[in-house]
N, C-alpha and C. Protein backbone atom coordinates (compact mmCIF):
# COMPACT_ATOMS: atom_id res chain seq x y z
N UNK A 1 4.47 -97.19 9.41
CA UNK A 1 3.29 -97.73 8.84
C UNK A 1 2.96 -97.31 7.45
N UNK A 2 2.66 -98.25 6.56
CA UNK A 2 2.22 -97.79 5.48
C UNK A 2 0.75 -97.69 5.01
N UNK A 3 0.26 -96.54 4.69
CA UNK A 3 -1.12 -96.49 4.44
C UNK A 3 -1.33 -96.17 3.22
N UNK A 4 -2.61 -96.23 2.67
CA UNK A 4 -3.21 -95.84 1.39
C UNK A 4 -3.74 -94.54 1.52
N UNK A 5 -4.11 -93.95 0.50
CA UNK A 5 -4.46 -92.47 0.22
C UNK A 5 -5.78 -92.12 1.42
N UNK A 6 -6.56 -92.99 1.27
CA UNK A 6 -7.77 -92.67 1.74
C UNK A 6 -7.60 -92.92 3.34
N UNK A 7 -6.83 -93.60 3.87
CA UNK A 7 -6.29 -94.01 5.39
C UNK A 7 -5.61 -92.65 5.81
N UNK A 8 -4.70 -92.11 4.93
CA UNK A 8 -3.99 -91.16 4.94
C UNK A 8 -4.73 -90.00 5.37
N UNK A 9 -5.60 -89.55 4.50
CA UNK A 9 -6.71 -88.40 4.67
C UNK A 9 -7.71 -88.54 6.11
N UNK A 10 -8.03 -89.94 6.28
CA UNK A 10 -8.71 -89.99 7.44
C UNK A 10 -7.88 -89.69 8.81
N UNK A 11 -6.80 -90.11 8.80
CA UNK A 11 -5.99 -90.15 9.78
C UNK A 11 -5.45 -88.57 10.28
N UNK A 12 -5.27 -87.83 9.07
CA UNK A 12 -4.88 -86.38 9.07
C UNK A 12 -6.00 -85.42 8.86
N UNK A 13 -7.06 -85.52 8.85
CA UNK A 13 -8.24 -84.99 8.74
C UNK A 13 -8.31 -83.87 10.08
N UNK A 14 -8.60 -82.79 10.11
CA UNK A 14 -8.82 -82.04 11.40
C UNK A 14 -10.10 -82.38 11.99
N UNK A 15 -11.16 -82.97 11.38
CA UNK A 15 -12.29 -83.54 11.88
C UNK A 15 -11.95 -84.28 12.86
N UNK A 16 -10.98 -85.28 12.57
CA UNK A 16 -10.79 -86.27 13.44
C UNK A 16 -10.14 -85.81 15.00
N UNK A 17 -9.41 -84.66 14.64
CA UNK A 17 -8.81 -84.16 15.86
C UNK A 17 -9.91 -83.34 16.65
N UNK A 18 -10.96 -82.83 16.09
CA UNK A 18 -12.09 -82.51 16.79
C UNK A 18 -12.76 -83.37 17.63
N UNK A 19 -12.99 -84.73 16.97
CA UNK A 19 -13.75 -85.74 17.49
C UNK A 19 -12.65 -86.48 18.61
N UNK A 20 -11.53 -86.44 18.61
CA UNK A 20 -10.48 -86.88 19.47
C UNK A 20 -10.69 -85.96 20.74
N UNK A 21 -10.64 -84.72 20.58
CA UNK A 21 -10.91 -83.60 21.61
C UNK A 21 -12.03 -83.69 22.53
N UNK A 22 -13.19 -83.66 21.56
CA UNK A 22 -14.51 -83.57 22.33
C UNK A 22 -15.06 -84.81 22.64
N UNK A 23 -14.84 -85.81 22.26
CA UNK A 23 -15.55 -87.28 22.32
C UNK A 23 -14.45 -88.33 23.19
N UNK A 24 -13.59 -88.64 22.33
CA UNK A 24 -12.45 -89.82 22.76
C UNK A 24 -11.99 -89.39 23.99
N UNK A 25 -11.37 -88.05 24.24
CA UNK A 25 -10.47 -87.97 25.37
C UNK A 25 -11.32 -88.07 26.34
N UNK A 26 -12.52 -87.74 26.61
CA UNK A 26 -13.23 -87.73 27.73
C UNK A 26 -13.58 -89.22 28.07
N UNK A 27 -13.69 -89.94 27.06
CA UNK A 27 -14.10 -91.35 27.52
C UNK A 27 -12.61 -92.01 27.95
N UNK A 28 -11.60 -91.90 27.44
CA UNK A 28 -10.38 -92.45 27.98
C UNK A 28 -10.26 -91.91 29.23
N UNK A 29 -10.51 -90.64 29.65
CA UNK A 29 -10.45 -90.22 31.05
C UNK A 29 -11.23 -90.71 31.88
N UNK A 30 -12.40 -91.13 31.54
CA UNK A 30 -13.31 -91.69 32.52
C UNK A 30 -12.89 -93.10 32.72
N UNK A 31 -12.17 -94.04 31.81
CA UNK A 31 -11.75 -95.16 31.63
C UNK A 31 -10.60 -95.46 32.52
N UNK A 32 -9.93 -94.49 32.66
CA UNK A 32 -8.62 -94.73 33.31
C UNK A 32 -8.67 -94.16 34.66
N UNK A 33 -7.90 -94.83 35.54
CA UNK A 33 -7.76 -94.58 36.91
C UNK A 33 -6.47 -93.60 37.13
N UNK A 34 -5.53 -93.29 36.20
CA UNK A 34 -4.89 -92.30 36.09
C UNK A 34 -4.99 -90.89 36.27
N UNK A 35 -4.71 -90.24 37.14
CA UNK A 35 -5.19 -88.63 36.82
C UNK A 35 -4.31 -87.66 36.63
N UNK A 36 -3.00 -88.02 37.24
CA UNK A 36 -1.83 -87.24 37.11
C UNK A 36 -0.53 -87.91 36.67
N UNK A 37 -0.18 -87.85 35.50
CA UNK A 37 0.69 -88.66 35.03
C UNK A 37 2.20 -87.68 34.52
N UNK A 38 3.15 -88.52 34.84
CA UNK A 38 4.78 -87.62 34.15
C UNK A 38 5.04 -88.23 32.72
N UNK A 39 5.09 -89.46 32.97
CA UNK A 39 5.58 -90.34 31.75
C UNK A 39 4.60 -91.53 31.18
N UNK A 40 4.53 -91.42 30.05
CA UNK A 40 3.28 -92.31 29.26
C UNK A 40 3.92 -92.67 28.03
N UNK A 41 3.65 -93.89 27.51
CA UNK A 41 3.97 -94.36 26.27
C UNK A 41 2.53 -94.66 25.48
N UNK A 42 2.55 -94.29 24.39
CA UNK A 42 1.19 -94.22 23.45
C UNK A 42 1.81 -94.63 22.25
N UNK A 43 1.30 -96.06 21.78
CA UNK A 43 1.60 -96.68 20.54
C UNK A 43 0.28 -96.35 19.80
N UNK A 44 0.68 -95.81 18.54
CA UNK A 44 -0.68 -95.36 17.74
C UNK A 44 0.05 -94.99 16.53
N UNK A 45 -0.92 -94.59 15.95
CA UNK A 45 -0.73 -94.01 14.27
C UNK A 45 -1.39 -92.68 14.43
N UNK A 46 -0.75 -91.85 13.19
CA UNK A 46 -1.42 -90.79 13.22
C UNK A 46 -0.28 -89.52 13.00
N UNK A 47 -0.87 -88.26 13.26
CA UNK A 47 -0.01 -87.05 13.45
C UNK A 47 0.44 -86.68 14.94
N UNK A 48 0.21 -87.50 15.76
CA UNK A 48 0.34 -87.29 17.20
C UNK A 48 -0.55 -86.28 17.75
N UNK A 49 -1.65 -85.73 17.42
CA UNK A 49 -2.57 -84.84 17.89
C UNK A 49 -3.16 -85.48 19.18
N UNK A 50 -3.67 -86.85 19.15
CA UNK A 50 -4.12 -87.49 20.22
C UNK A 50 -3.08 -87.40 21.71
N UNK A 51 -1.68 -87.73 21.05
CA UNK A 51 -0.88 -87.64 22.27
C UNK A 51 -0.94 -86.20 23.15
N UNK A 52 -0.63 -85.17 22.02
CA UNK A 52 -0.68 -83.91 22.51
C UNK A 52 -1.90 -83.43 23.51
N UNK A 53 -3.12 -83.98 23.18
CA UNK A 53 -4.49 -83.82 23.83
C UNK A 53 -4.28 -84.48 24.99
N UNK A 54 -3.68 -85.85 25.29
CA UNK A 54 -3.80 -86.37 26.59
C UNK A 54 -2.97 -85.79 27.47
N UNK A 55 -1.64 -85.42 26.96
CA UNK A 55 -0.66 -84.77 27.94
C UNK A 55 -1.04 -83.39 28.40
N UNK A 56 -1.77 -82.62 27.37
CA UNK A 56 -2.48 -81.46 28.05
C UNK A 56 -3.60 -81.64 29.38
N UNK A 57 -4.38 -82.91 28.80
CA UNK A 57 -5.43 -83.13 30.11
C UNK A 57 -4.70 -83.66 31.24
N UNK A 58 -4.07 -84.73 31.08
CA UNK A 58 -3.36 -85.41 32.07
C UNK A 58 -2.25 -84.45 32.93
N UNK A 59 -1.91 -83.60 32.58
CA UNK A 59 -0.72 -82.69 33.20
C UNK A 59 -1.50 -81.50 34.00
N UNK A 60 -2.78 -81.52 34.16
CA UNK A 60 -3.59 -80.32 35.11
C UNK A 60 -3.38 -80.72 36.36
């Protein structure tokens, strides 16, 4: 995916990772009926931080 400089900075910003960890992840877990998973496919863009966070939370 080709992004412009502003998009690149927003996607790779450490603040975005913090927001994902503190806010988005809790919302996704509340919305999901899946509690324990082994295999998942996430289609997104970014540096992969969201995927790492989801794996950490879902593998408890």
